[in-house]
Amino acid sequence: MENYYVNVEISGGKLEVNEILILLAKIQYLGAVGATCTIPVVVDGDGSGQLRFKTLETEGNLIDNYKLEEFKNQVGSGAEKMSDHWIGE
C-alpha cells in the first residue's frame, strides 16, 4: 500500500485539540498492533468543541471538498446516531 500524506492544521481550545491528538494516537496504535476497535467520539459543537481543520500545502482546503450533505441532513433532523467510519479494510 502506498502512503498518502496530508498536513492538517487543527485549531481550537487546548483541551479539545489535545483530545484530537489522543484520538489520533489511539488510531495509530490500533494500526501498529493490527487490532480492530470502535472508538466513540462525542462532539459538542455548540460548546468548546468548535474545532477547525485546514489542510496545508494544498490547492485550497481539502476538507472543504467533502460536502457532507447526508450528514448535514442527519444533524438538521436531530439524529444522534450517525454512520460509522471504517479506517482500514
Protein backbone atom coordinates (compact mmCIF):
# COMPACT_ATOMS: atom_id res chain seq x y z
CA MET A 1 0.00 0.00 0.00
CA GLU A 2 1.36 3.40 -0.96
CA ASN A 3 1.15 6.05 1.74
CA TYR A 4 -0.73 9.28 1.09
CA TYR A 5 0.34 12.35 3.06
CA VAL A 6 -1.55 15.48 4.02
CA ASN A 7 -0.59 18.14 6.57
CA VAL A 8 -3.53 19.33 8.64
CA GLU A 9 -3.67 22.35 10.93
CA ILE A 10 -6.02 21.91 13.90
CA SER A 11 -7.19 24.96 15.83
CA GLY A 12 -9.38 25.15 18.92
CA GLY A 13 -9.09 25.11 22.67
CA LYS A 14 -6.02 23.47 24.17
CA LEU A 15 -8.01 20.67 25.85
CA GLU A 16 -10.05 19.94 22.72
CA VAL A 17 -7.00 19.82 20.44
CA ASN A 18 -5.36 17.51 22.97
CA GLU A 19 -8.38 15.17 22.74
CA ILE A 20 -7.95 15.04 18.96
CA LEU A 21 -4.28 14.15 19.42
CA ILE A 22 -5.22 11.38 21.86
CA LEU A 23 -7.75 10.05 19.33
CA LEU A 24 -5.08 10.06 16.61
CA ALA A 25 -2.64 8.28 18.93
CA LYS A 26 -5.24 5.57 19.55
CA ILE A 27 -5.85 5.13 15.81
CA GLN A 28 -2.10 4.89 15.21
CA TYR A 29 -1.73 2.31 17.99
CA LEU A 30 -4.53 0.15 16.56
CA GLY A 31 -2.76 0.16 13.20
CA ALA A 32 0.56 -0.74 14.80
CA VAL A 33 -0.85 -3.76 16.65
CA GLY A 34 -3.32 -4.78 13.93
CA ALA A 35 -6.41 -4.54 16.14
CA THR A 36 -9.98 -3.52 15.32
CA CYS A 37 -11.76 -1.31 17.80
CA THR A 38 -14.70 1.10 17.94
CA ILE A 39 -13.74 4.44 19.46
CA PRO A 40 -16.75 6.56 20.44
CA VAL A 41 -16.43 10.28 19.65
CA VAL A 42 -18.86 12.87 21.03
CA VAL A 43 -18.69 16.42 19.65
CA ASP A 44 -20.33 19.30 21.50
CA GLY A 45 -20.50 21.67 18.53
CA ASP A 46 -22.21 24.50 20.36
CA GLY A 47 -19.67 24.41 23.16
CA SER A 48 -15.92 24.26 23.18
CA GLY A 49 -15.96 21.53 20.52
CA GLN A 50 -15.82 24.12 17.75
CA LEU A 51 -12.61 22.88 16.19
CA ARG A 52 -11.29 23.99 12.82
CA PHE A 53 -9.22 21.94 10.40
CA LYS A 54 -7.25 23.20 7.42
CA THR A 55 -5.04 21.30 5.03
CA LEU A 56 -1.67 22.89 4.41
CA GLU A 57 0.44 22.90 1.25
CA THR A 58 -2.56 22.08 -0.95
CA GLU A 59 -4.63 23.95 -3.51
CA GLY A 60 -7.44 25.05 -1.21
CA ASN A 61 -8.60 23.25 1.91
CA LEU A 62 -9.12 19.58 1.00
CA ILE A 63 -11.52 19.20 3.93
CA ASP A 64 -13.93 21.57 2.18
CA ASN A 65 -14.18 19.05 -0.69
CA TYR A 66 -16.30 16.77 1.48
CA LYS A 67 -19.76 18.31 1.11
CA LEU A 68 -21.36 16.05 3.75
CA GLU A 69 -24.92 16.63 2.52
CA GLU A 70 -26.30 13.42 4.07
CA PHE A 71 -24.53 14.18 7.35
CA LYS A 72 -25.85 17.76 7.37
CA ASN A 73 -29.39 16.43 6.85
CA GLN A 74 -28.98 13.96 9.72
CA VAL A 75 -27.73 16.69 12.05
CA GLY A 76 -30.53 19.03 10.96
CA SER A 77 -33.16 16.39 11.77
CA GLY A 78 -31.77 15.94 15.30
CA ALA A 79 -30.40 12.44 14.73
CA GLU A 80 -27.81 11.46 17.30
CA LYS A 81 -26.65 8.21 15.69
CA MET A 82 -24.54 8.73 12.60
CA SER A 83 -22.91 6.27 10.25
CA ASP A 84 -19.68 4.67 11.39
CA HIS A 85 -16.39 5.44 9.73
CA TRP A 86 -14.18 2.49 8.90
CA ILE A 87 -10.47 3.20 8.79
CA GLY A 88 -8.73 0.26 7.15
CA GLU A 89 -10.22 -2.69 5.32
